[in-house]
Amino acid sequence: MSAGLCAVKADSIWTSLYSPVIPGGATTVPIILQGVTPVYASTLTAPDYTIHFSVDSGQGVVQGASGGHAIPVAGASGGQPEYLTGDYGSLLTLNALDSGNYLSTGTGTITIVFDSPQNSIALLWGSVDTYNSLTLNDGSGAVTGTTLQTLTPGFESDGSQGVGGSIYVVVDSPLGFTTAAFSSSSPSFEFGGIVGSNKPFDIVPEPGAWCLMGLGLALVAAARRRFHRA
């Protein structure tokens, strides 16, 4: 680790195949997609955030799998994929038909604008592809699928739609952010279980290495870390 890479405008990125836990005393903003009629050409407004869509038909708020998107895998039981039945912290199901709504970019961009500054964001990043990217408006640069694949112990393979192909991701932002832009240059970037927080999400580290990537690329506390299962 080089101290010269520790810039003020820097984020910490944590990845795992296990769900993060909301810290005690935190003020959170969960993104609620359940009960939302699938949309792709409008703006979705909620009490604490707004979601802007710049995507093609069949993308945006989606449910189930199609030729253009795959359900993010939230866990495994008996070697079979489990899916979120709803938003962050919801129960898991082995039945894809019972899975909840999630977001899919196709080859476009989905932007979440929070009404108040957040210092951390957690999400389930589905079937991670190298061409997926997440950018916060805190000057730290984009988080890419390539980076996440490299950092996550147990990750299966590029674009895998099965167990080990989706990653729980937490980005901690010391300076705070109000905008999170999710983009993909090829179909698709699928994600769900999204929640913002004014405090870093709780994690329980396991022995292993962590690395730092500096200003312009983001400070990545990469780690062989595991989260508690929600």
Foldseek 3Di string as FASTA:
>chain_A
DDPVQDDQFFKAKEKELFAFAADPPWDKDWDFLFPPDFDACDKADDPWKIKDHDADPPFFWDAADDPQDAAAFNADDPQATWAALTFAPGDIDSDSVSHGIWGKHAQHKMKMFGPDWFFKKKKKKGQQAQQKWKDFPSQQAIDGSVVNQVQYPQQDDRSDRTRNRIMIMMMGGPVTGGMMMIHGNHRIIIMGNMMTINDGTDWAADDDQFAFGHGPHHGYRRHNTYHHHD
